[in-house]
Amino acid sequence: GAILLNGTLVASNFATETISGPISGSGQLVQAGVGKLVLAGNNSGFSGPITATNFLQMGNGFSGTLGTGPVTNNRSLLLDVGPTPATVVTVTANISGSGNVTNIGPGIVLLTGTNTWAGRTAIPQGTIRVGSATALSTNAALFMDDNNSGGLVGTLDLNGYSPTIASLQGNNTGNGTASPVE
């Protein structure tokens, strides 16, 4: 069911837990467990901060959004947008913290916030589309590796922007092209 969150909700899960209903309000959501917390509802009405100390996943391959408040990710933020490559979910939240951001779904994640996370940005499948000059963290290495994903790798769509990244990493041995933006 729906959650109206105007206080603090702490998820101390030991295994994967899914919140399927929408979250609204301006309270705080804290993922403090050793398991993964999956946000599978339409949380566009949630403006509070989200803090994750372990695995936080936006989406279940079919539905799910983060909300509009800031996200502090100190381990791993997984983005699972789908079910088709044409599905687009916009992330307006500002993402910070020491953790990694990984696109694990086949769809398109449009990042529009001012993002400063320090972990790696990985795109093993699907697409991360840049929606602002500050959408990709300048602190994070971009990791695209066709050796780790069965010969496939996702797509980084610059969408007309020229973001600065810390470095480009990965071992790519397949057929592909990289073209500079002019």
N, C-alpha and C. Protein backbone atom coordinates (compact mmCIF):
# COMPACT_ATOMS: atom_id res chain seq x y z
N GLY A 1 0.79 -1.18 0.00
CA GLY A 1 0.00 0.00 0.00
C GLY A 1 0.83 1.25 0.00
N ALA A 2 0.18 2.36 -0.06
CA ALA A 2 0.83 3.67 -0.09
C ALA A 2 1.40 4.02 1.29
N ILE A 3 2.53 4.76 1.29
CA ILE A 3 3.18 5.19 2.52
C ILE A 3 3.25 6.71 2.51
N LEU A 4 2.69 7.34 3.54
CA LEU A 4 2.85 8.77 3.76
C LEU A 4 3.96 8.92 4.78
N LEU A 5 5.11 9.43 4.35
CA LEU A 5 6.30 9.49 5.20
C LEU A 5 6.64 10.93 5.52
N ASN A 6 6.33 11.34 6.76
CA ASN A 6 6.69 12.68 7.21
C ASN A 6 7.60 12.63 8.43
N GLY A 7 7.95 11.44 8.87
CA GLY A 7 8.91 11.23 9.94
C GLY A 7 10.14 10.55 9.36
N THR A 8 10.62 9.51 10.04
CA THR A 8 11.77 8.74 9.58
C THR A 8 11.38 7.27 9.48
N LEU A 9 11.67 6.67 8.34
CA LEU A 9 11.46 5.24 8.14
C LEU A 9 12.82 4.61 7.95
N VAL A 10 13.19 3.68 8.87
CA VAL A 10 14.48 3.00 8.80
C VAL A 10 14.23 1.56 8.37
N ALA A 11 14.82 1.17 7.25
CA ALA A 11 14.72 -0.21 6.76
C ALA A 11 15.97 -0.94 7.20
N SER A 12 15.83 -1.85 8.17
CA SER A 12 16.96 -2.62 8.70
C SER A 12 16.86 -4.06 8.21
N ASN A 13 16.72 -4.21 6.91
CA ASN A 13 16.49 -5.52 6.32
C ASN A 13 17.77 -6.35 6.21
N PHE A 14 17.60 -7.69 6.38
CA PHE A 14 18.72 -8.62 6.24
C PHE A 14 18.75 -9.25 4.86
N ALA A 15 17.64 -9.23 4.15
CA ALA A 15 17.54 -9.78 2.80
C ALA A 15 16.94 -8.70 1.90
N THR A 16 16.65 -9.05 0.67
CA THR A 16 16.03 -8.10 -0.24
C THR A 16 14.60 -7.82 0.19
N GLU A 17 14.27 -6.56 0.34
CA GLU A 17 12.92 -6.12 0.68
C GLU A 17 12.47 -5.13 -0.39
N THR A 18 11.20 -5.20 -0.76
CA THR A 18 10.66 -4.33 -1.80
C THR A 18 9.51 -3.50 -1.25
N ILE A 19 9.57 -2.20 -1.49
CA ILE A 19 8.44 -1.32 -1.20
C ILE A 19 7.76 -1.08 -2.55
N SER A 20 6.62 -1.74 -2.75
CA SER A 20 5.93 -1.69 -4.04
C SER A 20 5.02 -0.48 -4.19
N GLY A 21 4.45 -0.03 -3.09
CA GLY A 21 3.52 1.10 -3.14
C GLY A 21 4.25 2.41 -3.22
N PRO A 22 3.53 3.48 -3.56
CA PRO A 22 4.16 4.79 -3.64
C PRO A 22 4.46 5.37 -2.26
N ILE A 23 5.56 6.09 -2.18
CA ILE A 23 5.92 6.83 -0.97
C ILE A 23 5.71 8.31 -1.29
N SER A 24 5.04 9.03 -0.37
CA SER A 24 4.87 10.47 -0.51
C SER A 24 5.24 11.10 0.82
N GLY A 25 5.37 12.41 0.82
CA GLY A 25 5.73 13.13 2.04
C GLY A 25 7.11 13.73 1.94
N SER A 26 7.59 14.25 3.08
CA SER A 26 8.88 14.93 3.11
C SER A 26 9.78 14.40 4.22
N GLY A 27 9.46 13.23 4.74
CA GLY A 27 10.27 12.62 5.79
C GLY A 27 11.57 12.06 5.26
N GLN A 28 12.22 11.22 6.07
CA GLN A 28 13.51 10.65 5.70
C GLN A 28 13.39 9.14 5.58
N LEU A 29 13.94 8.58 4.51
CA LEU A 29 14.02 7.14 4.31
C LEU A 29 15.47 6.73 4.48
N VAL A 30 15.71 5.76 5.39
CA VAL A 30 17.07 5.30 5.67
C VAL A 30 17.15 3.81 5.40
N GLN A 31 18.03 3.42 4.49
CA GLN A 31 18.30 2.01 4.23
C GLN A 31 19.53 1.67 5.05
N ALA A 32 19.31 0.94 6.17
CA ALA A 32 20.39 0.66 7.11
C ALA A 32 20.70 -0.82 7.23
N GLY A 33 19.97 -1.67 6.55
CA GLY A 33 20.18 -3.11 6.66
C GLY A 33 21.29 -3.60 5.76
N VAL A 34 21.65 -4.88 5.94
CA VAL A 34 22.68 -5.49 5.11
C VAL A 34 22.10 -6.00 3.79
N GLY A 35 20.78 -6.07 3.68
CA GLY A 35 20.12 -6.51 2.46
C GLY A 35 19.88 -5.35 1.52
N LYS A 36 19.24 -5.68 0.41
CA LYS A 36 18.92 -4.69 -0.62
C LYS A 36 17.50 -4.18 -0.40
N LEU A 37 17.30 -2.85 -0.52
CA LEU A 37 15.98 -2.24 -0.46
C LEU A 37 15.61 -1.80 -1.87
N VAL A 38 14.49 -2.33 -2.39
CA VAL A 38 14.03 -2.02 -3.74
C VAL A 38 12.84 -1.07 -3.65
N LEU A 39 12.94 0.07 -4.31
CA LEU A 39 11.83 1.02 -4.39
C LEU A 39 11.14 0.80 -5.73
N ALA A 40 9.98 0.13 -5.71
CA ALA A 40 9.29 -0.26 -6.94
C ALA A 40 8.03 0.56 -7.20
N GLY A 41 7.73 1.53 -6.34
CA GLY A 41 6.55 2.35 -6.51
C GLY A 41 6.85 3.66 -7.22
N ASN A 42 5.80 4.38 -7.60
CA ASN A 42 5.95 5.70 -8.17
C ASN A 42 6.09 6.68 -7.00
N ASN A 43 7.32 7.07 -6.72
CA ASN A 43 7.62 7.90 -5.55
C ASN A 43 7.81 9.36 -5.91
N SER A 44 7.19 9.80 -6.99
CA SER A 44 7.35 11.19 -7.44
C SER A 44 6.82 12.19 -6.42
N GLY A 45 5.96 11.76 -5.51
CA GLY A 45 5.42 12.63 -4.47
C GLY A 45 6.25 12.64 -3.20
N PHE A 46 7.43 12.00 -3.23
CA PHE A 46 8.30 11.96 -2.05
C PHE A 46 9.45 12.94 -2.26
N SER A 47 9.56 13.93 -1.36
CA SER A 47 10.59 14.96 -1.49
C SER A 47 11.64 14.89 -0.38
N GLY A 48 11.54 13.89 0.48
CA GLY A 48 12.48 13.78 1.59
C GLY A 48 13.80 13.15 1.17
N PRO A 49 14.80 13.26 2.06
CA PRO A 49 16.10 12.67 1.77
C PRO A 49 16.08 11.15 1.92
N ILE A 50 16.92 10.50 1.12
CA ILE A 50 17.13 9.05 1.21
C ILE A 50 18.60 8.83 1.53
N THR A 51 18.87 8.02 2.55
CA THR A 51 20.23 7.68 2.92
C THR A 51 20.38 6.17 2.85
N ALA A 52 21.38 5.69 2.12
CA ALA A 52 21.59 4.26 1.96
C ALA A 52 23.01 3.89 2.37
N THR A 53 23.12 2.95 3.31
CA THR A 53 24.43 2.48 3.75
C THR A 53 24.81 1.16 3.10
N ASN A 54 23.88 0.55 2.37
CA ASN A 54 24.16 -0.70 1.69
C ASN A 54 23.56 -0.63 0.29
N PHE A 55 22.75 -1.58 -0.11
CA PHE A 55 22.22 -1.64 -1.47
C PHE A 55 20.82 -1.01 -1.55
N LEU A 56 20.69 0.01 -2.38
CA LEU A 56 19.42 0.65 -2.67
C LEU A 56 19.17 0.50 -4.16
N GLN A 57 17.99 0.01 -4.51
CA GLN A 57 17.67 -0.20 -5.92
C GLN A 57 16.43 0.59 -6.30
N MET A 58 16.55 1.41 -7.36
CA MET A 58 15.41 2.11 -7.90
C MET A 58 14.83 1.25 -9.01
N GLY A 59 13.62 0.77 -8.81
CA GLY A 59 12.95 -0.01 -9.83
C GLY A 59 13.13 -1.50 -9.66
N ASN A 60 12.17 -2.22 -10.23
CA ASN A 60 12.21 -3.69 -10.21
C ASN A 60 12.20 -4.24 -11.63
N GLY A 61 12.58 -3.44 -12.59
CA GLY A 61 12.56 -3.84 -13.98
C GLY A 61 11.26 -3.47 -14.68
N PHE A 62 10.26 -3.06 -13.91
CA PHE A 62 8.97 -2.68 -14.47
C PHE A 62 8.52 -1.30 -13.99
N SER A 63 8.77 -0.98 -12.72
CA SER A 63 8.32 0.29 -12.16
C SER A 63 9.25 0.70 -11.04
N GLY A 64 9.13 1.95 -10.63
CA GLY A 64 9.90 2.45 -9.50
C GLY A 64 10.64 3.72 -9.80
N THR A 65 10.58 4.67 -8.84
CA THR A 65 11.31 5.93 -8.93
C THR A 65 11.88 6.25 -7.55
N LEU A 66 12.81 7.20 -7.50
CA LEU A 66 13.45 7.58 -6.24
C LEU A 66 12.69 8.66 -5.49
N GLY A 67 12.02 9.55 -6.15
CA GLY A 67 11.48 10.75 -5.54
C GLY A 67 12.36 11.92 -5.93
N THR A 68 12.09 13.08 -5.35
CA THR A 68 12.80 14.30 -5.75
C THR A 68 13.82 14.79 -4.73
N GLY A 69 13.85 14.21 -3.54
CA GLY A 69 14.78 14.64 -2.51
C GLY A 69 16.18 14.12 -2.75
N PRO A 70 17.15 14.63 -2.00
CA PRO A 70 18.54 14.21 -2.18
C PRO A 70 18.74 12.76 -1.76
N VAL A 71 19.68 12.08 -2.44
CA VAL A 71 20.02 10.69 -2.13
C VAL A 71 21.48 10.64 -1.73
N THR A 72 21.76 10.13 -0.52
CA THR A 72 23.12 9.89 -0.08
C THR A 72 23.37 8.39 -0.17
N ASN A 73 24.20 8.00 -1.11
CA ASN A 73 24.48 6.60 -1.41
C ASN A 73 25.90 6.28 -0.97
N ASN A 74 26.02 5.45 0.07
CA ASN A 74 27.34 5.12 0.58
C ASN A 74 27.76 3.69 0.32
N ARG A 75 27.08 2.99 -0.60
CA ARG A 75 27.50 1.64 -0.99
C ARG A 75 27.19 1.40 -2.46
N SER A 76 25.91 1.16 -2.78
CA SER A 76 25.57 0.83 -4.16
C SER A 76 24.14 1.23 -4.47
N LEU A 77 23.99 2.12 -5.46
CA LEU A 77 22.68 2.50 -5.97
C LEU A 77 22.50 1.81 -7.31
N LEU A 78 21.50 0.92 -7.38
CA LEU A 78 21.22 0.16 -8.59
C LEU A 78 20.00 0.76 -9.27
N LEU A 79 20.08 0.98 -10.57
CA LEU A 79 18.99 1.57 -11.34
C LEU A 79 18.44 0.49 -12.27
N ASP A 80 17.19 0.06 -12.04
CA ASP A 80 16.60 -1.04 -12.81
C ASP A 80 15.33 -0.56 -13.49
N VAL A 81 15.50 0.06 -14.66
CA VAL A 81 14.39 0.61 -15.43
C VAL A 81 14.07 -0.35 -16.56
N GLY A 82 12.80 -0.59 -16.79
CA GLY A 82 12.38 -1.49 -17.87
C GLY A 82 10.88 -1.40 -18.01
N PRO A 83 10.26 -2.34 -18.66
CA PRO A 83 10.80 -3.63 -19.10
C PRO A 83 11.41 -3.61 -20.49
N THR A 84 11.34 -2.48 -21.21
CA THR A 84 11.89 -2.44 -22.56
C THR A 84 12.97 -1.38 -22.64
N PRO A 85 13.82 -1.47 -23.65
CA PRO A 85 14.85 -0.43 -23.82
C PRO A 85 14.29 0.96 -24.08
N ALA A 86 13.02 1.06 -24.44
CA ALA A 86 12.41 2.36 -24.71
C ALA A 86 11.84 3.03 -23.46
N THR A 87 11.80 2.32 -22.34
CA THR A 87 11.27 2.87 -21.09
C THR A 87 12.24 3.91 -20.53
N VAL A 88 11.73 5.09 -20.20
CA VAL A 88 12.57 6.18 -19.67
C VAL A 88 12.06 6.56 -18.28
N VAL A 89 12.97 6.64 -17.31
CA VAL A 89 12.66 7.16 -15.98
C VAL A 89 13.64 8.30 -15.70
N THR A 90 13.09 9.45 -15.31
CA THR A 90 13.91 10.62 -15.01
C THR A 90 14.23 10.64 -13.51
N VAL A 91 15.51 10.83 -13.19
CA VAL A 91 15.97 10.95 -11.81
C VAL A 91 16.39 12.40 -11.60
N THR A 92 15.54 13.16 -10.86
CA THR A 92 15.83 14.57 -10.60
C THR A 92 16.60 14.75 -9.29
N ALA A 93 16.65 13.71 -8.47
CA ALA A 93 17.33 13.78 -7.18
C ALA A 93 18.82 14.07 -7.35
N ASN A 94 19.38 14.81 -6.42
CA ASN A 94 20.83 15.02 -6.37
C ASN A 94 21.43 13.84 -5.62
N ILE A 95 22.36 13.13 -6.26
CA ILE A 95 22.95 11.92 -5.68
C ILE A 95 24.37 12.23 -5.23
N SER A 96 24.64 11.92 -3.94
CA SER A 96 25.97 12.14 -3.38
C SER A 96 26.38 10.88 -2.62
N GLY A 97 27.52 10.92 -1.97
CA GLY A 97 27.99 9.80 -1.16
C GLY A 97 29.18 9.10 -1.79
N SER A 98 29.68 8.09 -1.08
CA SER A 98 30.89 7.38 -1.50
C SER A 98 30.60 6.16 -2.35
N GLY A 99 29.33 5.84 -2.60
CA GLY A 99 28.97 4.60 -3.27
C GLY A 99 28.98 4.67 -4.79
N ASN A 100 28.80 3.47 -5.38
CA ASN A 100 28.72 3.29 -6.83
C ASN A 100 27.30 3.49 -7.32
N VAL A 101 27.16 3.85 -8.58
CA VAL A 101 25.87 3.94 -9.26
C VAL A 101 25.95 3.02 -10.48
N THR A 102 25.01 2.05 -10.57
CA THR A 102 25.06 1.06 -11.65
C THR A 102 23.69 0.94 -12.31
N ASN A 103 23.66 1.04 -13.62
CA ASN A 103 22.43 0.84 -14.37
C ASN A 103 22.33 -0.65 -14.71
N ILE A 104 21.35 -1.36 -14.12
CA ILE A 104 21.25 -2.81 -14.33
C ILE A 104 20.05 -3.20 -15.18
N GLY A 105 19.22 -2.24 -15.57
CA GLY A 105 18.03 -2.54 -16.34
C GLY A 105 18.21 -2.23 -17.82
N PRO A 106 17.28 -2.69 -18.65
CA PRO A 106 17.39 -2.46 -20.09
C PRO A 106 16.95 -1.07 -20.54
N GLY A 107 16.28 -0.31 -19.68
CA GLY A 107 15.70 0.97 -20.06
C GLY A 107 16.68 2.12 -19.99
N ILE A 108 16.12 3.32 -20.06
CA ILE A 108 16.89 4.56 -20.08
C ILE A 108 16.69 5.31 -18.77
N VAL A 109 17.79 5.64 -18.10
CA VAL A 109 17.76 6.47 -16.89
C VAL A 109 18.26 7.84 -17.28
N LEU A 110 17.40 8.85 -17.16
CA LEU A 110 17.75 10.23 -17.47
C LEU A 110 18.13 10.93 -16.17
N LEU A 111 19.41 11.25 -16.00
CA LEU A 111 19.89 11.94 -14.80
C LEU A 111 19.88 13.44 -15.06
N THR A 112 19.19 14.20 -14.18
CA THR A 112 19.10 15.64 -14.36
C THR A 112 19.60 16.43 -13.15
N GLY A 113 19.97 15.78 -12.09
CA GLY A 113 20.36 16.47 -10.86
C GLY A 113 21.79 16.98 -10.90
N THR A 114 22.19 17.56 -9.76
CA THR A 114 23.57 17.96 -9.54
C THR A 114 24.19 16.85 -8.71
N ASN A 115 24.95 15.98 -9.35
CA ASN A 115 25.40 14.74 -8.73
C ASN A 115 26.89 14.77 -8.41
N THR A 116 27.23 14.28 -7.21
CA THR A 116 28.61 14.36 -6.73
C THR A 116 29.11 13.04 -6.14
N TRP A 117 28.45 11.91 -6.46
CA TRP A 117 28.89 10.65 -5.84
C TRP A 117 30.34 10.37 -6.19
N ALA A 118 31.03 9.63 -5.31
CA ALA A 118 32.46 9.39 -5.46
C ALA A 118 32.80 7.99 -5.94
N GLY A 119 31.84 7.08 -5.91
CA GLY A 119 32.10 5.72 -6.39
C GLY A 119 32.06 5.66 -7.90
N ARG A 120 32.14 4.46 -8.40
CA ARG A 120 32.16 4.21 -9.84
C ARG A 120 30.76 4.35 -10.45
N THR A 121 30.69 4.79 -11.70
CA THR A 121 29.46 4.80 -12.49
C THR A 121 29.60 3.66 -13.49
N ALA A 122 28.75 2.64 -13.38
CA ALA A 122 28.85 1.48 -14.26
C ALA A 122 27.59 1.35 -15.11
N ILE A 123 27.79 1.00 -16.38
CA ILE A 123 26.67 0.84 -17.31
C ILE A 123 26.84 -0.51 -18.02
N PRO A 124 26.54 -1.63 -17.33
CA PRO A 124 26.67 -2.93 -17.99
C PRO A 124 25.56 -3.20 -19.00
N GLN A 125 24.44 -2.51 -18.88
CA GLN A 125 23.36 -2.64 -19.85
C GLN A 125 22.46 -1.41 -19.77
N GLY A 126 21.53 -1.31 -20.69
CA GLY A 126 20.64 -0.16 -20.71
C GLY A 126 21.38 1.11 -21.06
N THR A 127 20.76 2.24 -20.73
CA THR A 127 21.31 3.55 -21.10
C THR A 127 21.23 4.50 -19.92
N ILE A 128 22.31 5.22 -19.68
CA ILE A 128 22.27 6.39 -18.82
C ILE A 128 22.35 7.59 -19.75
N ARG A 129 21.32 8.44 -19.67
CA ARG A 129 21.24 9.64 -20.52
C ARG A 129 21.51 10.86 -19.65
N VAL A 130 22.42 11.70 -20.10
CA VAL A 130 22.79 12.92 -19.40
C VAL A 130 21.70 13.96 -19.67
N GLY A 131 21.16 14.55 -18.59
CA GLY A 131 20.10 15.54 -18.73
C GLY A 131 20.45 16.89 -18.17
N SER A 132 21.70 17.08 -17.76
CA SER A 132 22.19 18.38 -17.30
C SER A 132 23.71 18.33 -17.32
N ALA A 133 24.33 19.50 -17.25
CA ALA A 133 25.79 19.56 -17.27
C ALA A 133 26.41 18.91 -16.03
N THR A 134 25.62 18.77 -14.96
CA THR A 134 26.13 18.21 -13.70
C THR A 134 25.53 16.83 -13.40
N ALA A 135 24.98 16.18 -14.41
CA ALA A 135 24.30 14.90 -14.20
C ALA A 135 25.26 13.77 -13.85
N LEU A 136 26.46 13.78 -14.43
CA LEU A 136 27.47 12.78 -14.08
C LEU A 136 28.44 13.40 -13.09
N SER A 137 28.77 12.66 -12.07
CA SER A 137 29.68 13.17 -11.05
C SER A 137 31.08 13.31 -11.62
N THR A 138 31.70 14.46 -11.38
CA THR A 138 33.09 14.65 -11.79
C THR A 138 34.05 13.87 -10.90
N ASN A 139 33.53 13.32 -9.78
CA ASN A 139 34.34 12.55 -8.84
C ASN A 139 34.38 11.07 -9.18
N ALA A 140 33.52 10.61 -10.09
CA ALA A 140 33.33 9.19 -10.32
C ALA A 140 33.94 8.75 -11.64
N ALA A 141 34.58 7.57 -11.61
CA ALA A 141 35.07 6.95 -12.83
C ALA A 141 33.91 6.32 -13.57
N LEU A 142 33.88 6.44 -14.88
CA LEU A 142 32.86 5.80 -15.70
C LEU A 142 33.41 4.44 -16.12
N PHE A 143 32.65 3.37 -15.82
CA PHE A 143 33.11 2.00 -16.06
C PHE A 143 32.18 1.33 -17.06
N MET A 144 32.75 0.97 -18.22
CA MET A 144 32.00 0.24 -19.24
C MET A 144 32.91 -0.89 -19.71
N ASP A 145 32.51 -2.14 -19.50
CA ASP A 145 33.38 -3.28 -19.72
C ASP A 145 32.62 -4.41 -20.39
N ASP A 146 32.90 -4.68 -21.67
CA ASP A 146 32.18 -5.75 -22.36
C ASP A 146 32.67 -7.13 -21.96
N ASN A 147 33.79 -7.23 -21.27
CA ASN A 147 34.28 -8.53 -20.79
C ASN A 147 33.48 -9.03 -19.59
N ASN A 148 32.91 -8.12 -18.81
CA ASN A 148 32.17 -8.50 -17.60
C ASN A 148 30.68 -8.65 -17.83
N SER A 149 30.22 -8.35 -19.02
CA SER A 149 28.77 -8.40 -19.24
C SER A 149 28.41 -9.22 -20.48
N GLY A 150 29.09 -10.33 -20.68
CA GLY A 150 28.75 -11.23 -21.76
C GLY A 150 28.96 -10.64 -23.15
N GLY A 151 29.95 -9.77 -23.31
CA GLY A 151 30.20 -9.17 -24.61
C GLY A 151 29.33 -7.97 -24.91
N LEU A 152 28.44 -7.62 -24.00
CA LEU A 152 27.58 -6.47 -24.20
C LEU A 152 27.94 -5.39 -23.19
N VAL A 153 27.65 -4.19 -23.54
CA VAL A 153 27.85 -3.08 -22.62
C VAL A 153 26.74 -2.07 -22.88
N GLY A 154 26.39 -1.31 -21.86
CA GLY A 154 25.32 -0.34 -22.01
C GLY A 154 25.76 0.88 -22.81
N THR A 155 24.91 1.90 -22.75
CA THR A 155 25.12 3.11 -23.54
C THR A 155 25.15 4.32 -22.63
N LEU A 156 26.09 5.20 -22.87
CA LEU A 156 26.10 6.52 -22.24
C LEU A 156 25.66 7.51 -23.31
N ASP A 157 24.49 8.09 -23.14
CA ASP A 157 23.94 9.06 -24.08
C ASP A 157 24.23 10.45 -23.53
N LEU A 158 25.15 11.18 -24.16
CA LEU A 158 25.53 12.51 -23.68
C LEU A 158 24.44 13.54 -23.94
N ASN A 159 23.53 13.27 -24.86
CA ASN A 159 22.34 14.09 -25.05
C ASN A 159 22.68 15.57 -25.28
N GLY A 160 23.80 15.82 -25.97
CA GLY A 160 24.20 17.20 -26.27
C GLY A 160 25.04 17.87 -25.20
N TYR A 161 25.25 17.21 -24.07
CA TYR A 161 26.06 17.78 -22.98
C TYR A 161 27.51 17.30 -23.10
N SER A 162 28.42 17.99 -22.42
CA SER A 162 29.83 17.62 -22.39
C SER A 162 30.28 17.49 -20.94
N PRO A 163 29.83 16.44 -20.25
CA PRO A 163 30.19 16.31 -18.84
C PRO A 163 31.66 15.95 -18.65
N THR A 164 32.17 16.28 -17.48
CA THR A 164 33.53 15.91 -17.09
C THR A 164 33.42 14.71 -16.15
N ILE A 165 34.25 13.68 -16.40
CA ILE A 165 34.29 12.52 -15.52
C ILE A 165 35.72 12.34 -15.03
N ALA A 166 35.88 11.62 -13.92
CA ALA A 166 37.21 11.42 -13.35
C ALA A 166 38.08 10.57 -14.27
N SER A 167 37.52 9.49 -14.83
CA SER A 167 38.27 8.64 -15.75
C SER A 167 37.30 7.70 -16.45
N LEU A 168 37.77 7.08 -17.52
CA LEU A 168 37.02 6.06 -18.25
C LEU A 168 37.75 4.75 -18.03
N GLN A 169 37.04 3.73 -17.53
CA GLN A 169 37.66 2.45 -17.20
C GLN A 169 36.90 1.30 -17.84
N GLY A 170 37.58 0.15 -17.96
CA GLY A 170 36.96 -1.06 -18.48
C GLY A 170 37.80 -1.66 -19.58
N ASN A 171 37.57 -2.94 -19.83
CA ASN A 171 38.25 -3.67 -20.90
C ASN A 171 37.24 -3.98 -21.97
N ASN A 172 37.39 -3.37 -23.12
CA ASN A 172 36.43 -3.56 -24.20
C ASN A 172 37.14 -4.15 -25.40
N THR A 173 36.73 -5.36 -25.75
CA THR A 173 37.37 -6.08 -26.84
C THR A 173 36.42 -6.32 -28.00
N GLY A 174 35.16 -5.96 -27.86
CA GLY A 174 34.17 -6.19 -28.90
C GLY A 174 34.23 -5.11 -29.96
N ASN A 175 33.31 -5.22 -30.89
CA ASN A 175 33.21 -4.21 -31.95
C ASN A 175 32.38 -3.06 -31.45
N GLY A 176 32.93 -1.89 -31.53
CA GLY A 176 32.21 -0.72 -31.09
C GLY A 176 32.97 0.53 -31.48
N THR A 177 32.33 1.65 -31.34
CA THR A 177 33.00 2.91 -31.68
C THR A 177 32.78 3.91 -30.58
N ALA A 178 33.70 4.78 -30.45
CA ALA A 178 33.59 5.90 -29.54
C ALA A 178 33.87 7.15 -30.35
N SER A 179 32.97 8.09 -30.32
CA SER A 179 33.15 9.31 -31.10
C SER A 179 33.15 10.50 -30.15
N PRO A 180 34.12 11.39 -30.31
CA PRO A 180 34.14 12.58 -29.44
C PRO A 180 33.01 13.53 -29.81
N VAL A 181 32.54 14.27 -28.82
CA VAL A 181 31.54 15.30 -29.05
C VAL A 181 32.27 16.57 -29.43
N GLU A 182 31.84 17.19 -30.51
CA GLU A 182 32.51 18.43 -30.94
C GLU A 182 31.60 19.61 -30.76
